[in-house]
N, C-alpha and C. Protein backbone atom coordinates (compact mmCIF):
# COMPACT_ATOMS: atom_id res chain seq x y z
N MET A 1 59.67 -11.92 -36.64
CA MET A 1 60.40 -10.62 -36.25
C MET A 1 60.21 -9.80 -37.64
N SER A 2 60.26 -8.74 -37.32
CA SER A 2 60.20 -7.60 -38.05
C SER A 2 61.81 -6.38 -38.54
N ARG A 3 61.84 -6.14 -40.02
CA ARG A 3 62.68 -5.51 -40.04
C ARG A 3 62.23 -4.70 -40.86
N MET A 4 63.26 -3.47 -40.89
CA MET A 4 62.95 -2.12 -41.76
C MET A 4 63.92 -2.73 -43.38
N VAL A 5 62.86 -2.43 -44.13
CA VAL A 5 63.75 -2.33 -45.44
C VAL A 5 64.06 -0.71 -46.22
N ASP A 6 64.79 -0.03 -46.43
CA ASP A 6 65.15 1.08 -47.02
C ASP A 6 64.93 0.72 -48.67
N ILE A 7 63.66 1.42 -48.79
CA ILE A 7 63.09 1.45 -50.15
C ILE A 7 63.44 2.59 -51.30
N THR A 8 64.25 2.46 -51.63
CA THR A 8 64.47 3.99 -52.94
C THR A 8 63.44 4.28 -54.01
N MET A 9 63.05 4.64 -54.11
CA MET A 9 61.98 5.05 -55.07
C MET A 9 62.81 5.11 -56.74
N ASN A 10 62.68 5.01 -57.51
CA ASN A 10 63.57 5.23 -58.85
C ASN A 10 62.34 5.91 -59.39
N PRO A 11 63.15 6.93 -59.80
CA PRO A 11 61.95 8.21 -60.43
C PRO A 11 61.42 7.71 -61.56
N GLU A 12 62.54 7.30 -62.45
CA GLU A 12 62.24 7.16 -63.77
C GLU A 12 60.82 5.82 -63.64
N VAL A 13 61.35 4.65 -62.86
CA VAL A 13 60.18 3.82 -62.88
C VAL A 13 58.82 4.10 -62.88
N LEU A 14 58.86 5.59 -61.75
CA LEU A 14 57.46 6.15 -61.61
C LEU A 14 57.01 6.98 -62.47
N GLU A 15 57.84 7.25 -63.15
CA GLU A 15 56.95 8.49 -64.46
C GLU A 15 56.71 7.58 -65.67
N ASN A 16 57.40 6.38 -65.97
CA ASN A 16 57.08 5.63 -66.85
C ASN A 16 55.82 4.99 -66.61
N LEU A 17 55.26 4.19 -65.00
CA LEU A 17 53.86 3.90 -64.67
C LEU A 17 53.45 5.13 -64.96
N ARG A 18 53.21 6.12 -64.45
CA ARG A 18 52.75 7.31 -64.47
C ARG A 18 52.41 7.75 -65.78
N LEU A 19 53.18 7.86 -67.01
CA LEU A 19 52.91 7.63 -68.40
C LEU A 19 51.45 6.65 -68.75
N GLU A 20 51.94 5.25 -68.51
CA GLU A 20 51.02 4.76 -68.64
C GLU A 20 49.69 4.58 -68.55
N LEU A 21 49.60 4.85 -67.44
CA LEU A 21 48.75 4.99 -66.65
C LEU A 21 47.75 6.30 -67.63
N ARG A 22 48.31 7.37 -67.46
CA ARG A 22 47.82 8.45 -68.21
C ARG A 22 47.41 8.29 -69.89
N ARG A 23 47.82 7.58 -70.09
CA ARG A 23 47.39 7.01 -72.18
C ARG A 23 46.39 6.34 -71.93
N GLY A 24 45.71 5.56 -71.17
CA GLY A 24 44.76 5.33 -71.21
C GLY A 24 43.44 6.07 -70.89
N CYS A 25 43.99 6.94 -69.48
CA CYS A 25 42.74 7.92 -68.98
C CYS A 25 42.89 8.64 -70.18
N LEU A 26 43.51 9.49 -71.03
CA LEU A 26 43.67 10.69 -72.09
C LEU A 26 42.40 9.79 -73.04
N ILE A 27 42.50 8.45 -73.61
CA ILE A 27 41.67 7.95 -74.69
C ILE A 27 40.25 7.94 -74.22
N VAL A 28 40.24 7.55 -73.18
CA VAL A 28 38.41 7.93 -72.44
C VAL A 28 38.18 9.02 -72.48
N ALA A 29 38.94 9.91 -71.83
CA ALA A 29 38.85 11.54 -71.94
C ALA A 29 38.25 12.27 -72.92
N VAL A 30 39.15 11.82 -74.23
CA VAL A 30 38.77 12.33 -75.40
C VAL A 30 37.82 11.93 -76.28
N LEU A 31 37.58 10.34 -75.95
CA LEU A 31 36.26 10.14 -76.21
C LEU A 31 34.68 10.78 -75.40
N ALA A 32 34.83 10.25 -74.62
CA ALA A 32 34.03 10.91 -73.82
C ALA A 32 33.67 12.57 -73.91
N GLU A 33 34.70 13.23 -74.40
CA GLU A 33 34.38 14.98 -74.91
C GLU A 33 34.19 14.84 -75.63
N LEU A 34 34.53 13.80 -76.85
CA LEU A 34 33.61 14.10 -78.30
C LEU A 34 32.67 13.49 -78.69
N ARG A 35 32.07 13.13 -77.57
CA ARG A 35 30.28 13.10 -77.40
C ARG A 35 29.57 14.24 -78.12
N SER A 36 29.89 15.35 -77.83
CA SER A 36 29.71 16.82 -78.71
C SER A 36 31.28 16.91 -79.48
N GLU A 37 30.46 17.68 -80.60
CA GLU A 37 31.49 17.78 -81.89
C GLU A 37 32.42 19.26 -80.90
N GLN A 38 33.70 19.21 -81.20
CA GLN A 38 34.51 20.49 -80.96
C GLN A 38 36.12 20.14 -82.25
N TYR A 39 36.57 21.28 -82.07
CA TYR A 39 37.88 21.01 -82.81
C TYR A 39 38.87 20.81 -82.08
N GLY A 40 40.12 20.65 -82.20
CA GLY A 40 41.45 20.28 -81.41
C GLY A 40 41.74 21.56 -80.29
N TYR A 41 41.60 22.62 -80.44
CA TYR A 41 41.77 23.95 -79.58
C TYR A 41 40.84 23.80 -78.52
N THR A 42 39.02 23.52 -78.77
CA THR A 42 38.36 23.76 -77.82
C THR A 42 38.47 22.39 -77.10
N LEU A 43 39.15 21.49 -77.71
CA LEU A 43 38.89 20.06 -77.03
C LEU A 43 39.97 20.26 -75.89
N ARG A 44 41.27 20.78 -76.32
CA ARG A 44 41.96 20.76 -75.58
C ARG A 44 41.80 21.59 -74.03
N LYS A 45 41.20 22.92 -74.12
CA LYS A 45 40.94 23.44 -73.78
C LYS A 45 39.85 23.03 -72.34
N SER A 46 39.14 22.47 -73.33
CA SER A 46 37.87 21.66 -72.35
C SER A 46 38.70 20.53 -71.23
N LEU A 47 39.86 19.67 -71.67
CA LEU A 47 40.38 18.66 -70.90
C LEU A 47 40.66 19.20 -69.96
N ALA A 48 41.41 20.34 -70.11
CA ALA A 48 42.29 21.21 -69.27
C ALA A 48 41.69 22.02 -68.33
N GLU A 49 40.33 22.61 -68.98
CA GLU A 49 39.07 23.31 -67.64
C GLU A 49 39.21 21.71 -66.75
N HIS A 50 39.18 20.08 -67.03
CA HIS A 50 38.54 19.26 -66.05
C HIS A 50 40.12 18.50 -65.24
N GLY A 51 41.19 19.33 -65.84
CA GLY A 51 42.19 19.06 -64.97
C GLY A 51 43.20 17.49 -65.67
N ILE A 52 42.93 17.65 -66.92
CA ILE A 52 43.79 16.88 -67.71
C ILE A 52 44.39 17.81 -69.19
N ALA A 53 45.58 18.30 -68.69
CA ALA A 53 46.64 19.38 -69.48
C ALA A 53 47.12 18.28 -70.61
N ILE A 54 47.03 18.80 -71.69
CA ILE A 54 47.69 18.13 -72.78
C ILE A 54 47.83 18.80 -73.77
N ASP A 55 49.38 17.94 -74.12
CA ASP A 55 50.14 19.11 -75.41
C ASP A 55 49.71 18.86 -76.71
N GLU A 56 49.53 19.96 -77.63
CA GLU A 56 49.27 19.79 -78.85
C GLU A 56 49.90 18.33 -79.74
N GLY A 57 51.40 18.82 -79.47
CA GLY A 57 52.23 17.44 -79.85
C GLY A 57 51.62 15.94 -79.54
N THR A 58 51.18 15.64 -78.39
CA THR A 58 50.70 14.41 -77.71
C THR A 58 48.78 14.05 -78.62
N LEU A 59 47.57 15.65 -78.70
CA LEU A 59 46.68 15.54 -78.84
C LEU A 59 46.38 15.30 -79.97
N TYR A 60 46.65 15.76 -81.08
CA TYR A 60 46.42 15.87 -82.41
C TYR A 60 47.21 14.27 -83.34
N PRO A 61 48.26 13.95 -82.57
CA PRO A 61 48.35 12.32 -83.34
C PRO A 61 47.63 11.48 -82.63
N LEU A 62 46.81 11.83 -81.49
CA LEU A 62 46.05 11.08 -80.82
C LEU A 62 44.54 10.68 -81.50
N LEU A 63 44.30 12.06 -81.87
CA LEU A 63 43.14 12.13 -82.91
C LEU A 63 42.92 11.62 -83.82
N ARG A 64 44.16 11.44 -84.49
CA ARG A 64 44.86 11.07 -85.65
C ARG A 64 44.37 9.55 -85.57
N ARG A 65 45.33 9.14 -84.65
CA ARG A 65 45.07 7.57 -84.32
C ARG A 65 43.50 6.93 -84.07
N LEU A 66 42.64 8.10 -83.38
CA LEU A 66 41.19 7.59 -82.73
C LEU A 66 40.42 7.58 -84.06
N GLU A 67 40.73 8.51 -85.18
CA GLU A 67 40.03 8.55 -86.35
C GLU A 67 40.31 7.77 -87.39
N THR A 68 41.88 7.11 -87.55
CA THR A 68 42.42 6.18 -87.97
C THR A 68 41.09 4.52 -87.31
N GLN A 69 41.45 4.71 -86.64
CA GLN A 69 40.51 3.16 -85.95
C GLN A 69 39.40 3.31 -85.94
N GLY A 70 38.62 4.25 -86.55
CA GLY A 70 37.43 4.69 -86.69
C GLY A 70 36.33 4.87 -85.17
N LEU A 71 37.25 5.56 -84.72
CA LEU A 71 36.47 5.99 -83.54
C LEU A 71 35.96 7.17 -83.65
N LEU A 72 36.31 7.97 -84.23
CA LEU A 72 36.12 9.58 -84.58
C LEU A 72 35.84 9.71 -85.94
N ALA A 73 35.18 10.85 -86.09
CA ALA A 73 34.95 11.07 -87.34
C ALA A 73 35.40 12.29 -87.58
N SER A 74 35.99 13.26 -88.67
CA SER A 74 36.25 14.47 -88.54
C SER A 74 35.44 15.57 -89.97
N GLU A 75 35.71 16.49 -89.99
CA GLU A 75 35.42 17.21 -91.24
C GLU A 75 35.93 18.55 -91.20
N TRP A 76 36.50 18.98 -92.30
CA TRP A 76 37.00 20.58 -92.14
C TRP A 76 35.81 21.63 -92.81
N ARG A 77 35.86 22.28 -91.91
CA ARG A 77 35.24 23.76 -92.01
C ARG A 77 35.37 25.03 -91.44
N GLU A 78 34.94 26.02 -92.57
CA GLU A 78 35.02 27.20 -91.70
C GLU A 78 35.08 28.41 -90.55
N GLN A 79 35.13 28.64 -89.70
CA GLN A 79 34.88 29.18 -88.75
C GLN A 79 35.99 30.32 -88.63
N ASP A 80 35.21 31.46 -88.16
CA ASP A 80 35.78 32.76 -87.82
C ASP A 80 36.60 32.83 -88.93
N LYS A 81 36.42 32.62 -90.25
CA LYS A 81 37.15 33.00 -91.10
C LYS A 81 38.55 32.28 -91.10
N ARG A 82 38.70 30.77 -90.78
CA ARG A 82 39.55 30.23 -90.80
C ARG A 82 39.16 28.70 -90.66
N ASN A 83 39.87 27.63 -91.07
CA ASN A 83 39.34 26.45 -91.57
C ASN A 83 39.66 25.41 -90.44
N LYS A 84 38.65 24.93 -89.83
CA LYS A 84 39.30 24.47 -88.60
C LYS A 84 38.48 23.07 -88.77
N ARG A 85 39.32 21.52 -87.94
CA ARG A 85 39.03 20.59 -88.13
C ARG A 85 38.12 20.37 -86.79
N PHE A 86 36.78 19.39 -87.30
CA PHE A 86 35.96 19.09 -86.05
C PHE A 86 36.05 17.95 -86.07
N TYR A 87 36.33 17.56 -84.60
CA TYR A 87 36.15 16.20 -84.50
C TYR A 87 34.64 15.72 -83.33
N ARG A 88 34.16 14.42 -84.23
CA ARG A 88 33.01 14.06 -83.20
C ARG A 88 33.31 12.67 -82.85
N LEU A 89 32.47 11.87 -81.84
CA LEU A 89 32.39 10.51 -81.76
C LEU A 89 32.15 10.05 -82.71
N ALA A 90 32.69 8.57 -83.62
CA ALA A 90 31.97 7.71 -84.52
C ALA A 90 31.06 7.13 -83.99
N PRO A 91 30.01 5.99 -84.38
CA PRO A 91 29.52 5.07 -83.61
C PRO A 91 30.04 4.28 -83.28
N GLN A 92 31.11 3.56 -84.01
CA GLN A 92 31.87 2.66 -83.07
C GLN A 92 32.77 3.29 -82.00
N GLY A 93 33.26 4.84 -82.05
CA GLY A 93 33.58 5.11 -80.87
C GLY A 93 32.52 5.41 -79.62
N GLY A 94 31.26 5.49 -80.05
CA GLY A 94 30.58 5.23 -78.55
C GLY A 94 30.26 4.56 -78.06
N ALA A 95 30.51 3.03 -78.72
CA ALA A 95 30.29 1.74 -78.82
C ALA A 95 31.53 1.43 -77.56
N ILE A 96 32.41 1.91 -78.37
CA ILE A 96 34.17 1.34 -77.55
C ILE A 96 34.28 2.14 -76.09
N LEU A 97 33.59 3.37 -75.93
CA LEU A 97 33.56 4.17 -75.03
C LEU A 97 32.86 3.88 -73.44
N THR A 98 31.48 3.09 -74.21
CA THR A 98 30.51 2.90 -73.41
C THR A 98 31.15 1.22 -72.54
N HIS A 99 31.97 0.39 -73.57
CA HIS A 99 32.75 -0.43 -72.93
C HIS A 99 33.63 -0.09 -72.15
N LEU A 100 34.56 0.81 -72.50
CA LEU A 100 36.16 1.07 -71.64
C LEU A 100 35.40 1.76 -70.45
N LEU A 101 34.01 2.66 -70.31
CA LEU A 101 33.41 3.44 -68.44
C LEU A 101 32.92 2.11 -68.22
N ALA A 102 32.52 1.04 -68.64
CA ALA A 102 32.02 -0.10 -67.73
C ALA A 102 33.40 -0.62 -67.21
N ASP A 103 34.23 -1.09 -68.09
CA ASP A 103 35.96 -1.52 -67.51
C ASP A 103 36.42 -0.34 -66.18
N TRP A 104 36.18 0.65 -66.80
CA TRP A 104 36.79 1.41 -65.77
C TRP A 104 35.94 1.26 -64.07
N GLU A 105 34.72 1.28 -64.64
CA GLU A 105 34.47 1.40 -63.36
C GLU A 105 34.64 0.15 -62.62
N THR A 106 34.72 -1.03 -62.91
CA THR A 106 34.56 -2.20 -62.71
C THR A 106 36.16 -2.39 -61.66
N MET A 107 37.44 -1.63 -62.85
CA MET A 107 38.39 -1.45 -61.98
C MET A 107 39.01 -0.76 -60.75
N TYR A 108 38.08 0.64 -60.89
CA TYR A 108 38.30 1.54 -59.85
C TYR A 108 37.56 0.86 -59.00
N SER A 109 35.96 0.17 -59.08
CA SER A 109 35.68 -0.48 -57.77
C SER A 109 36.58 -1.15 -56.92
N SER A 110 36.89 -2.17 -57.76
CA SER A 110 38.17 -3.33 -57.26
C SER A 110 38.86 -2.43 -57.01
N LEU A 111 40.09 -1.22 -57.32
CA LEU A 111 41.32 -0.73 -56.73
C LEU A 111 40.47 -0.36 -54.94
N GLU A 112 39.55 0.44 -55.21
CA GLU A 112 38.83 0.62 -54.56
C GLU A 112 38.65 -0.18 -52.94
N ALA A 113 37.85 -1.21 -53.08
CA ALA A 113 37.81 -2.01 -52.84
C ALA A 113 39.17 -2.90 -51.92
N ILE A 114 40.64 -2.75 -52.60
CA ILE A 114 41.85 -3.42 -52.64
C ILE A 114 42.12 -2.62 -51.63
N LEU A 115 42.34 -1.34 -52.05
CA LEU A 115 42.88 -0.41 -51.36
C LEU A 115 42.41 -0.08 -49.85
N LYS A 116 40.89 -0.06 -49.68
CA LYS A 116 40.56 0.09 -48.45
C LYS A 116 40.77 -1.62 -47.60
N ASP A 117 41.19 -2.13 -47.75
CA ASP A 117 41.27 -3.77 -47.36
C ASP A 117 42.69 -3.13 -46.54
N THR A 118 43.63 -2.55 -47.73
CA THR A 118 44.77 -2.53 -47.64
C THR A 118 45.01 -1.88 -46.15
N VAL A 119 44.75 -1.09 -46.33
CA VAL A 119 44.11 0.24 -45.12
C VAL A 119 43.71 -0.29 -43.71
N THR A 120 42.75 -1.36 -44.22
CA THR A 120 42.53 -1.99 -42.89
C THR A 120 43.31 -2.70 -42.08
N SER A 121 43.76 -3.58 -42.97
CA SER A 121 44.40 -4.61 -42.52
C SER A 121 46.05 -4.28 -42.30
N GLN A 122 46.63 -2.65 -42.54
CA GLN A 122 47.98 -2.49 -42.27
C GLN A 122 48.28 -0.73 -41.85
N SER A 123 49.33 -0.29 -41.91
CA SER A 123 49.60 0.65 -41.40
C SER A 123 50.06 1.33 -42.68
N VAL A 124 49.22 2.28 -43.31
CA VAL A 124 49.87 2.40 -45.19
C VAL A 124 50.66 4.12 -44.96
N PRO A 125 51.91 4.49 -44.66
CA PRO A 125 52.18 5.92 -44.62
C PRO A 125 51.06 6.75 -46.14
N GLU A 126 50.85 7.99 -45.80
CA GLU A 126 50.21 8.73 -46.63
C GLU A 126 49.40 8.02 -47.72
N ALA A 127 48.63 7.39 -47.23
CA ALA A 127 47.74 6.28 -48.61
C ALA A 127 46.98 7.82 -49.64
N PRO A 128 47.28 7.49 -50.55
CA PRO A 128 46.47 8.47 -51.90
C PRO A 128 44.97 8.69 -51.61
N SER A 129 44.36 9.52 -51.70
CA SER A 129 43.46 10.32 -51.63
C SER A 129 41.78 8.88 -51.99
N ALA A 130 42.35 8.02 -53.17
CA ALA A 130 41.42 6.83 -54.07
C ALA A 130 41.32 5.93 -52.77
N VAL A 131 42.15 6.14 -51.64
CA VAL A 131 41.73 5.07 -50.24
C VAL A 131 40.53 5.66 -50.08
N ALA A 132 40.30 6.71 -50.03
CA ALA A 132 38.86 7.44 -49.52
C ALA A 132 37.94 7.32 -50.00
N GLY A 133 37.98 6.52 -51.23
CA GLY A 133 36.98 6.30 -52.49
C GLY A 133 36.91 7.92 -53.07
N GLU A 134 37.98 9.03 -53.44
CA GLU A 134 37.79 9.64 -54.45
C GLU A 134 39.13 9.81 -55.51
N ALA A 135 38.56 9.76 -56.99
CA ALA A 135 39.73 10.10 -58.00
C ALA A 135 40.30 11.30 -57.30
N PRO A 136 41.60 11.05 -58.14
CA PRO A 136 42.79 12.15 -58.36
C PRO A 136 42.20 13.50 -58.56
N GLU A 137 41.96 14.51 -58.20
CA GLU A 137 41.72 15.73 -58.91
C GLU A 137 42.02 16.13 -60.56
N SER A 138 43.27 15.88 -60.46
CA SER A 138 44.48 16.38 -62.28
C SER A 138 45.34 14.67 -62.43
N ILE A 139 45.06 15.18 -63.80
CA ILE A 139 45.98 14.09 -64.47
C ILE A 139 46.46 15.41 -65.60
N GLU A 140 48.07 15.41 -64.94
CA GLU A 140 48.68 16.73 -65.66
C GLU A 140 49.93 15.73 -66.34
N GLY A 141 50.85 16.75 -66.64
CA GLY A 141 51.97 15.85 -67.47
C GLY A 141 51.58 15.60 -69.53
N ASN A 142 52.77 15.26 -69.64
CA ASN A 142 52.97 14.59 -71.02
C ASN A 142 52.46 13.24 -71.60
N SER A 143 52.08 12.47 -72.17
CA SER A 143 52.53 11.12 -72.58
C SER A 143 53.21 10.89 -73.95
């Protein structure tokens, strides 16, 4: 016997889960983008061009934390008559990025298989695009 259950989504729970997912993705995105040296503004612009909008109030504390952890290196230089802090991936950051990307690939493959199994075994209303093997196009918001 099947019965209908009214599930009301709690927007606060959803937002907290989205922020949690986003935080991990931001770290990987920042480390990956800093394989080539950039200063904060160009990094923020590059991330936005790839669909990852990030506020200055989120980016700069993240950069400082990653540098404190030894994953990034930075130096102040003058460019266009202004002092700018340039960031780049430190050797330890490169090793960490390699491991995180391998973990991400494994997790993505697993989730893709789970979602495909779910779709074929039951009807799921408006399944996310990841079910079809596509990653979401944009990660927006603040963390």
